[in-house]
Amino acid sequence: MEAWEPRRDFLIGHCGKTEIEAERTGWVELRALQKAHRERQYDAWCRARLIAHSVYLYAPTFSKGVRKETDPTKFYPLEMDKEMEDRKERPVTHLTKNDIEELNRIKALIQ
C-alpha cells in the first residue's frame, strides 16, 4: 500500500474527485476537505445526540428522585466535543483605562 493511497481513496470516494483531480490536489486543499468532512460527521453526531437526548428528557419517569441529565454533552459525550470547543473563536473584549483601574482596585481589596 502506498503512503498516498488512503488520501487518494478519500478524495475519490468521499469527495467525488476523479483520479486525475485527486492526483492534482494539493496538501492545503486536502487538509481543508478532511477538516470539512470531520466537521460534517461531528454535526451529524450532534444531531443524533440531540434527538436521543430529547427522547430521553420527554420519556416518563416512574420512580421518585430520578434526576435527568439536562446537558446533551454530558448525556452522551463525543470524542470531538473538546476539539470543537477549542476551535470556537472567543470574543475579544477591549478594556478601557477605567476598567483596568477598577480591576486593579478590586485586586488590591482581595490582597
PDB file of N, CA and C in Angstrom:
ATOM      1  N   MET A   1       0.848  -1.174   0.000  1.00  0.00           N
ATOM      2  CA  MET A   1       0.000   0.000   0.000  1.00  0.00           C
ATOM      3  C   MET A   1       0.899   1.245   0.000  1.00  0.00           C
ATOM      4  N   GLU A   2       0.595   2.155  -0.901  1.00  0.00           N
ATOM      5  CA  GLU A   2       1.344   3.403  -0.975  1.00  0.00           C
ATOM      6  C   GLU A   2       0.938   4.317   0.174  1.00  0.00           C
ATOM      7  N   ALA A   3       1.819   5.258   0.522  1.00  0.00           N
ATOM      8  CA  ALA A   3       1.504   6.213   1.581  1.00  0.00           C
ATOM      9  C   ALA A   3       0.369   7.138   1.149  1.00  0.00           C
ATOM     10  N   TRP A   4       0.264   7.367  -0.151  1.00  0.00           N
ATOM     11  CA  TRP A   4      -0.745   8.295  -0.683  1.00  0.00           C
ATOM     12  C   TRP A   4      -2.109   7.631  -0.850  1.00  0.00           C
ATOM     13  N   GLU A   5      -2.172   6.320  -0.815  1.00  0.00           N
ATOM     14  CA  GLU A   5      -3.394   5.593  -1.155  1.00  0.00           C
ATOM     15  C   GLU A   5      -4.609   5.938  -0.283  1.00  0.00           C
ATOM     16  N   PRO A   6      -4.502   6.009   1.044  1.00  0.00           N
ATOM     17  CA  PRO A   6      -5.697   6.365   1.841  1.00  0.00           C
ATOM     18  C   PRO A   6      -6.215   7.761   1.510  1.00  0.00           C
ATOM     19  N   ARG A   7      -5.311   8.685   1.237  1.00  0.00           N
ATOM     20  CA  ARG A   7      -5.733  10.041   0.889  1.00  0.00           C
ATOM     21  C   ARG A   7      -6.407  10.064  -0.479  1.00  0.00           C
ATOM     22  N   ARG A   8      -5.849   9.315  -1.406  1.00  0.00           N
ATOM     23  CA  ARG A   8      -6.446   9.234  -2.739  1.00  0.00           C
ATOM     24  C   ARG A   8      -7.834   8.599  -2.652  1.00  0.00           C
ATOM     25  N   ASP A   9      -7.974   7.551  -1.841  1.00  0.00           N
ATOM     26  CA  ASP A   9      -9.278   6.910  -1.663  1.00  0.00           C
ATOM     27  C   ASP A   9     -10.286   7.885  -1.058  1.00  0.00           C
ATOM     28  N   PHE A  10      -9.835   8.703  -0.113  1.00  0.00           N
ATOM     29  CA  PHE A  10     -10.713   9.705   0.491  1.00  0.00           C
ATOM     30  C   PHE A  10     -11.162  10.716  -0.561  1.00  0.00           C
ATOM     31  N   LEU A  11     -10.241  11.198  -1.351  1.00  0.00           N
ATOM     32  CA  LEU A  11     -10.577  12.197  -2.375  1.00  0.00           C
ATOM     33  C   LEU A  11     -11.530  11.635  -3.423  1.00  0.00           C
ATOM     34  N   ILE A  12     -11.296  10.413  -3.840  1.00  0.00           N
ATOM     35  CA  ILE A  12     -12.144   9.816  -4.872  1.00  0.00           C
ATOM     36  C   ILE A  12     -13.461   9.325  -4.270  1.00  0.00           C
ATOM     37  N   GLY A  13     -13.383   8.612  -3.147  1.00  0.00           N
ATOM     38  CA  GLY A  13     -14.578   8.005  -2.561  1.00  0.00           C
ATOM     39  C   GLY A  13     -15.501   8.981  -1.855  1.00  0.00           C
ATOM     40  N   HIS A  14     -14.952   9.866  -1.040  1.00  0.00           N
ATOM     41  CA  HIS A  14     -15.783  10.782  -0.247  1.00  0.00           C
ATOM     42  C   HIS A  14     -16.036  12.109  -0.946  1.00  0.00           C
ATOM     43  N   CYS A  15     -15.011  12.613  -1.628  1.00  0.00           N
ATOM     44  CA  CYS A  15     -15.132  13.951  -2.220  1.00  0.00           C
ATOM     45  C   CYS A  15     -15.616  13.918  -3.666  1.00  0.00           C
ATOM     46  N   GLY A  16     -15.617  12.760  -4.281  1.00  0.00           N
ATOM     47  CA  GLY A  16     -16.130  12.640  -5.637  1.00  0.00           C
ATOM     48  C   GLY A  16     -15.191  13.147  -6.721  1.00  0.00           C
ATOM     49  N   LYS A  17     -13.919  13.215  -6.424  1.00  0.00           N
ATOM     50  CA  LYS A  17     -12.951  13.674  -7.433  1.00  0.00           C
ATOM     51  C   LYS A  17     -12.588  12.505  -8.346  1.00  0.00           C
ATOM     52  N   THR A  18     -12.181  12.866  -9.557  1.00  0.00           N
ATOM     53  CA  THR A  18     -11.682  11.835 -10.462  1.00  0.00           C
ATOM     54  C   THR A  18     -10.258  11.490 -10.049  1.00  0.00           C
ATOM     55  N   GLU A  19      -9.716  10.442 -10.643  1.00  0.00           N
ATOM     56  CA  GLU A  19      -8.362  10.027 -10.301  1.00  0.00           C
ATOM     57  C   GLU A  19      -7.347  11.122 -10.646  1.00  0.00           C
ATOM     58  N   ILE A  20      -7.546  11.776 -11.761  1.00  0.00           N
ATOM     59  CA  ILE A  20      -6.623  12.850 -12.169  1.00  0.00           C
ATOM     60  C   ILE A  20      -6.751  14.042 -11.221  1.00  0.00           C
ATOM     61  N   GLU A  21      -7.983  14.401 -10.855  1.00  0.00           N
ATOM     62  CA  GLU A  21      -8.180  15.509  -9.906  1.00  0.00           C
ATOM     63  C   GLU A  21      -7.573  15.173  -8.543  1.00  0.00           C
ATOM     64  N   ALA A  22      -7.686  13.919  -8.134  1.00  0.00           N
ATOM     65  CA  ALA A  22      -7.105  13.502  -6.858  1.00  0.00           C
ATOM     66  C   ALA A  22      -5.584  13.641  -6.884  1.00  0.00           C
ATOM     67  N   GLU A  23      -4.975  13.285  -8.015  1.00  0.00           N
ATOM     68  CA  GLU A  23      -3.519  13.395  -8.130  1.00  0.00           C
ATOM     69  C   GLU A  23      -3.062  14.855  -8.133  1.00  0.00           C
ATOM     70  N   ARG A  24      -3.907  15.755  -8.603  1.00  0.00           N
ATOM     71  CA  ARG A  24      -3.546  17.177  -8.695  1.00  0.00           C
ATOM     72  C   ARG A  24      -3.912  17.972  -7.441  1.00  0.00           C
ATOM     73  N   THR A  25      -4.550  17.326  -6.485  1.00  0.00           N
ATOM     74  CA  THR A  25      -4.966  18.004  -5.271  1.00  0.00           C
ATOM     75  C   THR A  25      -3.755  18.309  -4.398  1.00  0.00           C
ATOM     76  N   GLY A  26      -3.675  19.556  -3.937  1.00  0.00           N
ATOM     77  CA  GLY A  26      -2.568  19.959  -3.071  1.00  0.00           C
ATOM     78  C   GLY A  26      -2.857  19.629  -1.611  1.00  0.00           C
ATOM     79  N   TRP A  27      -1.829  19.782  -0.783  1.00  0.00           N
ATOM     80  CA  TRP A  27      -1.953  19.444   0.629  1.00  0.00           C
ATOM     81  C   TRP A  27      -2.912  20.372   1.361  1.00  0.00           C
ATOM     82  N   VAL A  28      -2.926  21.652   0.978  1.00  0.00           N
ATOM     83  CA  VAL A  28      -3.814  22.602   1.640  1.00  0.00           C
ATOM     84  C   VAL A  28      -5.273  22.242   1.359  1.00  0.00           C
ATOM     85  N   GLU A  29      -5.571  21.928   0.090  1.00  0.00           N
ATOM     86  CA  GLU A  29      -6.943  21.542  -0.269  1.00  0.00           C
ATOM     87  C   GLU A  29      -7.331  20.237   0.416  1.00  0.00           C
ATOM     88  N   LEU A  30      -6.410  19.282   0.467  1.00  0.00           N
ATOM     89  CA  LEU A  30      -6.684  18.001   1.126  1.00  0.00           C
ATOM     90  C   LEU A  30      -7.005  18.220   2.599  1.00  0.00           C
ATOM     91  N   ARG A  31      -6.205  19.038   3.269  1.00  0.00           N
ATOM     92  CA  ARG A  31      -6.439  19.313   4.682  1.00  0.00           C
ATOM     93  C   ARG A  31      -7.794  19.987   4.898  1.00  0.00           C
ATOM     94  N   ALA A  32      -8.155  20.921   4.014  1.00  0.00           N
ATOM     95  CA  ALA A  32      -9.450  21.603   4.126  1.00  0.00           C
ATOM     96  C   ALA A  32     -10.605  20.620   3.903  1.00  0.00           C
ATOM     97  N   LEU A  33     -10.458  19.727   2.937  1.00  0.00           N
ATOM     98  CA  LEU A  33     -11.504  18.732   2.677  1.00  0.00           C
ATOM     99  C   LEU A  33     -11.659  17.776   3.862  1.00  0.00           C
ATOM    100  N   GLN A  34     -10.546  17.360   4.443  1.00  0.00           N
ATOM    101  CA  GLN A  34     -10.612  16.455   5.592  1.00  0.00           C
ATOM    102  C   GLN A  34     -11.239  17.146   6.804  1.00  0.00           C
ATOM    103  N   LYS A  35     -10.895  18.415   7.005  1.00  0.00           N
ATOM    104  CA  LYS A  35     -11.476  19.170   8.115  1.00  0.00           C
ATOM    105  C   LYS A  35     -12.986  19.315   7.928  1.00  0.00           C
ATOM    106  N   ALA A  36     -13.414  19.643   6.716  1.00  0.00           N
ATOM    107  CA  ALA A  36     -14.848  19.781   6.437  1.00  0.00           C
ATOM    108  C   ALA A  36     -15.561  18.447   6.628  1.00  0.00           C
ATOM    109  N   HIS A  37     -14.941  17.366   6.219  1.00  0.00           N
ATOM    110  CA  HIS A  37     -15.528  16.031   6.382  1.00  0.00           C
ATOM    111  C   HIS A  37     -15.698  15.698   7.860  1.00  0.00           C
ATOM    112  N   ARG A  38     -14.660  15.975   8.673  1.00  0.00           N
ATOM    113  CA  ARG A  38     -14.738  15.727  10.121  1.00  0.00           C
ATOM    114  C   ARG A  38     -15.849  16.555  10.755  1.00  0.00           C
ATOM    115  N   GLU A  39     -15.959  17.830  10.350  1.00  0.00           N
ATOM    116  CA  GLU A  39     -16.979  18.700  10.926  1.00  0.00           C
ATOM    117  C   GLU A  39     -18.388  18.260  10.525  1.00  0.00           C
ATOM    118  N   ARG A  40     -18.564  17.776   9.284  1.00  0.00           N
ATOM    119  CA  ARG A  40     -19.875  17.258   8.876  1.00  0.00           C
ATOM    120  C   ARG A  40     -20.241  16.030   9.696  1.00  0.00           C
ATOM    121  N   GLN A  41     -19.275  15.147   9.934  1.00  0.00           N
ATOM    122  CA  GLN A  41     -19.539  13.969  10.756  1.00  0.00           C
ATOM    123  C   GLN A  41     -19.899  14.373  12.182  1.00  0.00           C
ATOM    124  N   TYR A  42     -19.172  15.334  12.728  1.00  0.00           N
ATOM    125  CA  TYR A  42     -19.459  15.808  14.087  1.00  0.00           C
ATOM    126  C   TYR A  42     -20.860  16.403  14.160  1.00  0.00           C
ATOM    127  N   ASP A  43     -21.237  17.204  13.155  1.00  0.00           N
ATOM    128  CA  ASP A  43     -22.581  17.793  13.134  1.00  0.00           C
ATOM    129  C   ASP A  43     -23.657  16.710  13.078  1.00  0.00           C
ATOM    130  N   ALA A  44     -23.419  15.673  12.295  1.00  0.00           N
ATOM    131  CA  ALA A  44     -24.392  14.578  12.206  1.00  0.00           C
ATOM    132  C   ALA A  44     -24.524  13.872  13.555  1.00  0.00           C
ATOM    133  N   TRP A  45     -23.409  13.633  14.245  1.00  0.00           N
ATOM    134  CA  TRP A  45     -23.457  13.005  15.557  1.00  0.00           C
ATOM    135  C   TRP A  45     -24.152  13.916  16.564  1.00  0.00           C
ATOM    136  N   CYS A  46     -23.935  15.226  16.460  1.00  0.00           N
ATOM    137  CA  CYS A  46     -24.606  16.172  17.374  1.00  0.00           C
ATOM    138  C   CYS A  46     -26.108  16.153  17.160  1.00  0.00           C
ATOM    139  N   ARG A  47     -26.549  16.066  15.901  1.00  0.00           N
ATOM    140  CA  ARG A  47     -27.981  15.978  15.630  1.00  0.00           C
ATOM    141  C   ARG A  47     -28.563  14.694  16.220  1.00  0.00           C
ATOM    142  N   ALA A  48     -27.864  13.585  16.036  1.00  0.00           N
ATOM    143  CA  ALA A  48     -28.332  12.313  16.592  1.00  0.00           C
ATOM    144  C   ALA A  48     -28.378  12.375  18.117  1.00  0.00           C
ATOM    145  N   ARG A  49     -27.375  12.996  18.716  1.00  0.00           N
ATOM    146  CA  ARG A  49     -27.339  13.132  20.171  1.00  0.00           C
ATOM    147  C   ARG A  49     -28.496  14.001  20.653  1.00  0.00           C
ATOM    148  N   LEU A  50     -28.799  15.079  19.928  1.00  0.00           N
ATOM    149  CA  LEU A  50     -29.891  15.967  20.317  1.00  0.00           C
ATOM    150  C   LEU A  50     -31.238  15.240  20.266  1.00  0.00           C
ATOM    151  N   ILE A  51     -31.440  14.440  19.238  1.00  0.00           N
ATOM    152  CA  ILE A  51     -32.689  13.669  19.130  1.00  0.00           C
ATOM    153  C   ILE A  51     -32.785  12.656  20.270  1.00  0.00           C
ATOM    154  N   ALA A  52     -31.706  11.928  20.528  1.00  0.00           N
ATOM    155  CA  ALA A  52     -31.708  10.938  21.609  1.00  0.00           C
ATOM    156  C   ALA A  52     -31.929  11.614  22.959  1.00  0.00           C
ATOM    157  N   HIS A  53     -31.320  12.769  23.154  1.00  0.00           N
ATOM    158  CA  HIS A  53     -31.472  13.480  24.421  1.00  0.00           C
ATOM    159  C   HIS A  53     -32.904  13.981  24.591  1.00  0.00           C
ATOM    160  N   SER A  54     -33.516  14.450  23.501  1.00  0.00           N
ATOM    161  CA  SER A  54     -34.906  14.902  23.570  1.00  0.00           C
ATOM    162  C   SER A  54     -35.837  13.753  23.932  1.00  0.00           C
ATOM    163  N   VAL A  55     -35.631  12.603  23.326  1.00  0.00           N
ATOM    164  CA  VAL A  55     -36.448  11.416  23.650  1.00  0.00           C
ATOM    165  C   VAL A  55     -36.258  11.048  25.121  1.00  0.00           C
ATOM    166  N   TYR A  56     -35.017  11.107  25.582  1.00  0.00           N
ATOM    167  CA  TYR A  56     -34.700  10.786  26.978  1.00  0.00           C
ATOM    168  C   TYR A  56     -35.396  11.758  27.938  1.00  0.00           C
ATOM    169  N   LEU A  57     -35.374  13.051  27.618  1.00  0.00           N
ATOM    170  CA  LEU A  57     -35.971  14.046  28.512  1.00  0.00           C
ATOM    171  C   LEU A  57     -37.492  13.927  28.578  1.00  0.00           C
ATOM    172  N   TYR A  58     -38.123  13.599  27.459  1.00  0.00           N
ATOM    173  CA  TYR A  58     -39.578  13.563  27.423  1.00  0.00           C
ATOM    174  C   TYR A  58     -40.162  12.199  27.758  1.00  0.00           C
ATOM    175  N   ALA A  59     -39.334  11.231  28.017  1.00  0.00           N
ATOM    176  CA  ALA A  59     -39.824   9.914  28.422  1.00  0.00           C
ATOM    177  C   ALA A  59     -40.347  10.014  29.852  1.00  0.00           C
ATOM    178  N   PRO A  60     -41.438   9.317  30.149  1.00  0.00           N
ATOM    179  CA  PRO A  60     -41.992   9.392  31.503  1.00  0.00           C
ATOM    180  C   PRO A  60     -41.061   8.730  32.520  1.00  0.00           C
ATOM    181  N   THR A  61     -41.039   9.320  33.702  1.00  0.00           N
ATOM    182  CA  THR A  61     -40.239   8.780  34.791  1.00  0.00           C
ATOM    183  C   THR A  61     -41.190   8.281  35.865  1.00  0.00           C
ATOM    184  N   PHE A  62     -41.015   7.047  36.296  1.00  0.00           N
ATOM    185  CA  PHE A  62     -41.956   6.458  37.233  1.00  0.00           C
ATOM    186  C   PHE A  62     -41.411   6.363  38.652  1.00  0.00           C
ATOM    187  N   SER A  63     -40.150   6.608  38.870  1.00  0.00           N
ATOM    188  CA  SER A  63     -39.618   6.495  40.228  1.00  0.00           C
ATOM    189  C   SER A  63     -39.273   7.875  40.778  1.00  0.00           C
ATOM    190  N   LYS A  64     -39.353   7.999  42.084  1.00  0.00           N
ATOM    191  CA  LYS A  64     -39.058   9.275  42.717  1.00  0.00           C
ATOM    192  C   LYS A  64     -37.552   9.477  42.805  1.00  0.00           C
ATOM    193  N   GLY A  65     -37.164  10.729  42.754  1.00  0.00           N
ATOM    194  CA  GLY A  65     -35.757  11.067  42.935  1.00  0.00           C
ATOM    195  C   GLY A  65     -34.881  10.841  41.722  1.00  0.00           C
ATOM    196  N   VAL A  66     -35.463  10.552  40.587  1.00  0.00           N
ATOM    197  CA  VAL A  66     -34.663  10.353  39.375  1.00  0.00           C
ATOM    198  C   VAL A  66     -34.327  11.720  38.798  1.00  0.00           C
ATOM    199  N   ARG A  67     -33.042  11.961  38.652  1.00  0.00           N
ATOM    200  CA  ARG A  67     -32.595  13.229  38.096  1.00  0.00           C
ATOM    201  C   ARG A  67     -32.137  12.992  36.673  1.00  0.00           C
ATOM    202  N   LYS A  68     -32.752  13.703  35.748  1.00  0.00           N
ATOM    203  CA  LYS A  68     -32.393  13.530  34.343  1.00  0.00           C
ATOM    204  C   LYS A  68     -31.306  14.529  33.970  1.00  0.00           C
ATOM    205  N   GLU A  69     -30.362  14.078  33.168  1.00  0.00           N
ATOM    206  CA  GLU A  69     -29.268  14.933  32.712  1.00  0.00           C
ATOM    207  C   GLU A  69     -29.805  15.919  31.682  1.00  0.00           C
ATOM    208  N   THR A  70     -29.649  17.204  31.959  1.00  0.00           N
ATOM    209  CA  THR A  70     -30.203  18.228  31.065  1.00  0.00           C
ATOM    210  C   THR A  70     -29.206  18.699  30.020  1.00  0.00           C
ATOM    211  N   ASP A  71     -27.940  18.394  30.189  1.00  0.00           N
ATOM    212  CA  ASP A  71     -26.923  18.823  29.230  1.00  0.00           C
ATOM    213  C   ASP A  71     -26.645  17.689  28.243  1.00  0.00           C
ATOM    214  N   PRO A  72     -26.915  17.901  26.941  1.00  0.00           N
ATOM    215  CA  PRO A  72     -26.694  16.817  25.972  1.00  0.00           C
ATOM    216  C   PRO A  72     -25.240  16.372  25.887  1.00  0.00           C
ATOM    217  N   THR A  73     -24.290  17.292  26.126  1.00  0.00           N
ATOM    218  CA  THR A  73     -22.879  16.907  26.033  1.00  0.00           C
ATOM    219  C   THR A  73     -22.473  15.987  27.178  1.00  0.00           C
ATOM    220  N   LYS A  74     -23.142  16.099  28.327  1.00  0.00           N
ATOM    221  CA  LYS A  74     -22.869  15.188  29.441  1.00  0.00           C
ATOM    222  C   LYS A  74     -23.698  13.916  29.311  1.00  0.00           C
ATOM    223  N   PHE A  75     -24.849  14.023  28.660  1.00  0.00           N
ATOM    224  CA  PHE A  75     -25.712  12.866  28.432  1.00  0.00           C
ATOM    225  C   PHE A  75     -24.998  11.843  27.549  1.00  0.00           C
ATOM    226  N   TYR A  76     -24.382  12.322  26.475  1.00  0.00           N
ATOM    227  CA  TYR A  76     -23.647  11.436  25.569  1.00  0.00           C
ATOM    228  C   TYR A  76     -22.444  12.203  25.025  1.00  0.00           C
ATOM    229  N   PRO A  77     -21.313  12.170  25.729  1.00  0.00           N
ATOM    230  CA  PRO A  77     -20.138  12.905  25.264  1.00  0.00           C
ATOM    231  C   PRO A  77     -19.555  12.283  23.991  1.00  0.00           C
ATOM    232  N   LEU A  78     -19.113  13.154  23.099  1.00  0.00           N
ATOM    233  CA  LEU A  78     -18.457  12.722  21.865  1.00  0.00           C
ATOM    234  C   LEU A  78     -16.971  13.025  21.969  1.00  0.00           C
ATOM    235  N   GLU A  79     -16.172  12.260  21.233  1.00  0.00           N
ATOM    236  CA  GLU A  79     -14.725  12.464  21.274  1.00  0.00           C
ATOM    237  C   GLU A  79     -14.324  13.849  20.804  1.00  0.00           C
ATOM    238  N   MET A  80     -15.073  14.394  19.843  1.00  0.00           N
ATOM    239  CA  MET A  80     -14.675  15.670  19.248  1.00  0.00           C
ATOM    240  C   MET A  80     -15.231  16.882  19.991  1.00  0.00           C
ATOM    241  N   ASP A  81     -15.979  16.695  21.070  1.00  0.00           N
ATOM    242  CA  ASP A  81     -16.548  17.835  21.795  1.00  0.00           C
ATOM    243  C   ASP A  81     -15.462  18.808  22.235  1.00  0.00           C
ATOM    244  N   LYS A  82     -14.418  18.297  22.855  1.00  0.00           N
ATOM    245  CA  LYS A  82     -13.341  19.159  23.354  1.00  0.00           C
ATOM    246  C   LYS A  82     -12.646  19.877  22.206  1.00  0.00           C
ATOM    247  N   GLU A  83     -12.363  19.143  21.135  1.00  0.00           N
ATOM    248  CA  GLU A  83     -11.671  19.733  19.979  1.00  0.00           C
ATOM    249  C   GLU A  83     -12.508  20.848  19.351  1.00  0.00           C
ATOM    250  N   MET A  84     -13.805  20.639  19.211  1.00  0.00           N
ATOM    251  CA  MET A  84     -14.666  21.652  18.609  1.00  0.00           C
ATOM    252  C   MET A  84     -14.822  22.854  19.536  1.00  0.00           C
ATOM    253  N   GLU A  85     -14.860  22.616  20.828  1.00  0.00           N
ATOM    254  CA  GLU A  85     -14.964  23.721  21.783  1.00  0.00           C
ATOM    255  C   GLU A  85     -13.706  24.592  21.719  1.00  0.00           C
ATOM    256  N   ASP A  86     -12.550  23.947  21.564  1.00  0.00           N
ATOM    257  CA  ASP A  86     -11.298  24.696  21.479  1.00  0.00           C
ATOM    258  C   ASP A  86     -11.219  25.523  20.202  1.00  0.00           C
ATOM    259  N   ARG A  87     -11.876  25.067  19.144  1.00  0.00           N
ATOM    260  CA  ARG A  87     -11.836  25.775  17.859  1.00  0.00           C
ATOM    261  C   ARG A  87     -12.703  27.028  17.830  1.00  0.00           C
ATOM    262  N   LYS A  88     -13.711  27.081  18.714  1.00  0.00           N
ATOM    263  CA  LYS A  88     -14.609  28.225  18.704  1.00  0.00           C
ATOM    264  C   LYS A  88     -13.831  29.503  18.999  1.00  0.00           C
ATOM    265  N   GLU A  89     -14.159  30.538  18.264  1.00  0.00           N
ATOM    266  CA  GLU A  89     -13.498  31.811  18.485  1.00  0.00           C
ATOM    267  C   GLU A  89     -14.068  32.460  19.742  1.00  0.00           C
ATOM    268  N   ARG A  90     -13.185  32.928  20.576  1.00  0.00           N
ATOM    269  CA  ARG A  90     -13.591  33.611  21.796  1.00  0.00           C
ATOM    270  C   ARG A  90     -13.753  35.098  21.490  1.00  0.00           C
ATOM    271  N   PRO A  91     -14.791  35.711  22.037  1.00  0.00           N
ATOM    272  CA  PRO A  91     -14.951  37.154  21.795  1.00  0.00           C
ATOM    273  C   PRO A  91     -13.838  37.936  22.489  1.00  0.00           C
ATOM    274  N   VAL A  92     -13.337  38.937  21.806  1.00  0.00           N
ATOM    275  CA  VAL A  92     -12.277  39.770  22.349  1.00  0.00           C
ATOM    276  C   VAL A  92     -12.915  40.979  23.000  1.00  0.00           C
ATOM    277  N   THR A  93     -12.583  41.193  24.251  1.00  0.00           N
ATOM    278  CA  THR A  93     -13.104  42.336  24.982  1.00  0.00           C
ATOM    279  C   THR A  93     -11.957  43.316  25.213  1.00  0.00           C
ATOM    280  N   HIS A  94     -12.144  44.528  24.736  1.00  0.00           N
ATOM    281  CA  HIS A  94     -11.124  45.551  24.926  1.00  0.00           C
ATOM    282  C   HIS A  94     -11.458  46.338  26.185  1.00  0.00           C
ATOM    283  N   LEU A  95     -10.496  46.395  27.096  1.00  0.00           N
ATOM    284  CA  LEU A  95     -10.711  47.095  28.354  1.00  0.00           C
ATOM    285  C   LEU A  95     -10.305  48.558  28.217  1.00  0.00           C
ATOM    286  N   THR A  96     -11.114  49.399  28.823  1.00  0.00           N
ATOM    287  CA  THR A  96     -10.778  50.821  28.842  1.00  0.00           C
ATOM    288  C   THR A  96      -9.878  51.083  30.054  1.00  0.00           C
ATOM    289  N   LYS A  97      -9.354  52.283  30.119  1.00  0.00           N
ATOM    290  CA  LYS A  97      -8.482  52.651  31.229  1.00  0.00           C
ATOM    291  C   LYS A  97      -9.246  52.562  32.551  1.00  0.00           C
ATOM    292  N   ASN A  98     -10.509  52.977  32.545  1.00  0.00           N
ATOM    293  CA  ASN A  98     -11.329  52.900  33.756  1.00  0.00           C
ATOM    294  C   ASN A  98     -11.553  51.460  34.193  1.00  0.00           C
ATOM    295  N   ASP A  99     -11.742  50.560  33.219  1.00  0.00           N
ATOM    296  CA  ASP A  99     -11.920  49.138  33.542  1.00  0.00           C
ATOM    297  C   ASP A  99     -10.676  48.579  34.220  1.00  0.00           C
ATOM    298  N   ILE A 100      -9.521  48.932  33.704  1.00  0.00           N
ATOM    299  CA  ILE A 100      -8.257  48.439  34.266  1.00  0.00           C
ATOM    300  C   ILE A 100      -8.064  48.978  35.678  1.00  0.00           C
ATOM    301  N   GLU A 101      -8.376  50.247  35.872  1.00  0.00           N
ATOM    302  CA  GLU A 101      -8.254  50.833  37.211  1.00  0.00           C
ATOM    303  C   GLU A 101      -9.200  50.142  38.196  1.00  0.00           C
ATOM    304  N   GLU A 102     -10.415  49.847  37.764  1.00  0.00           N
ATOM    305  CA  GLU A 102     -11.384  49.170  38.632  1.00  0.00           C
ATOM    306  C   GLU A 102     -10.906  47.760  38.972  1.00  0.00           C
ATOM    307  N   LEU A 103     -10.365  47.046  38.000  1.00  0.00           N
ATOM    308  CA  LEU A 103      -9.840  45.698  38.256  1.00  0.00           C
ATOM    309  C   LEU A 103      -8.663  45.749  39.222  1.00  0.00           C
ATOM    310  N   ASN A 104      -7.789  46.727  39.076  1.00  0.00           N
ATOM    311  CA  ASN A 104      -6.661  46.876  39.989  1.00  0.00           C
ATOM    312  C   ASN A 104      -7.136  47.202  41.403  1.00  0.00           C
ATOM    313  N   ARG A 105      -8.202  48.031  41.511  1.00  0.00           N
ATOM    314  CA  ARG A 105      -8.765  48.367  42.816  1.00  0.00           C
ATOM    315  C   ARG A 105      -9.319  47.116  43.494  1.00  0.00           C
ATOM    316  N   ILE A 106     -10.050  46.292  42.722  1.00  0.00           N
ATOM    317  CA  ILE A 106     -10.614  45.042  43.268  1.00  0.00           C
ATOM    318  C   ILE A 106      -9.501  44.076  43.658  1.00  0.00           C
ATOM    319  N   LYS A 107      -8.472  44.010  42.850  1.00  0.00           N
ATOM    320  CA  LYS A 107      -7.324  43.135  43.157  1.00  0.00           C
ATOM    321  C   LYS A 107      -6.674  43.564  44.462  1.00  0.00           C
ATOM    322  N   ALA A 108      -6.539  44.880  44.660  1.00  0.00           N
ATOM    323  CA  ALA A 108      -5.928  45.379  45.900  1.00  0.00           C
ATOM    324  C   ALA A 108      -6.801  45.039  47.097  1.00  0.00           C
ATOM    325  N   LEU A 109      -8.128  45.095  46.946  1.00  0.00           N
ATOM    326  CA  LEU A 109      -9.030  44.749  48.039  1.00  0.00           C
ATOM    327  C   LEU A 109      -8.910  43.278  48.414  1.00  0.00           C
ATOM    328  N   ILE A 110      -8.736  42.436  47.415  1.00  0.00           N
ATOM    329  CA  ILE A 110      -8.628  40.995  47.652  1.00  0.00           C
ATOM    330  C   ILE A 110      -7.336  40.655  48.393  1.00  0.00           C
ATOM    331  N   GLN A 111      -6.259  41.334  48.030  1.00  0.00           N
ATOM    332  CA  GLN A 111      -4.965  41.050  48.657  1.00  0.00           C
ATOM    333  C   GLN A 111      -4.991  41.567  50.056  1.00  0.00           C
TER     334      GLN A 111
END
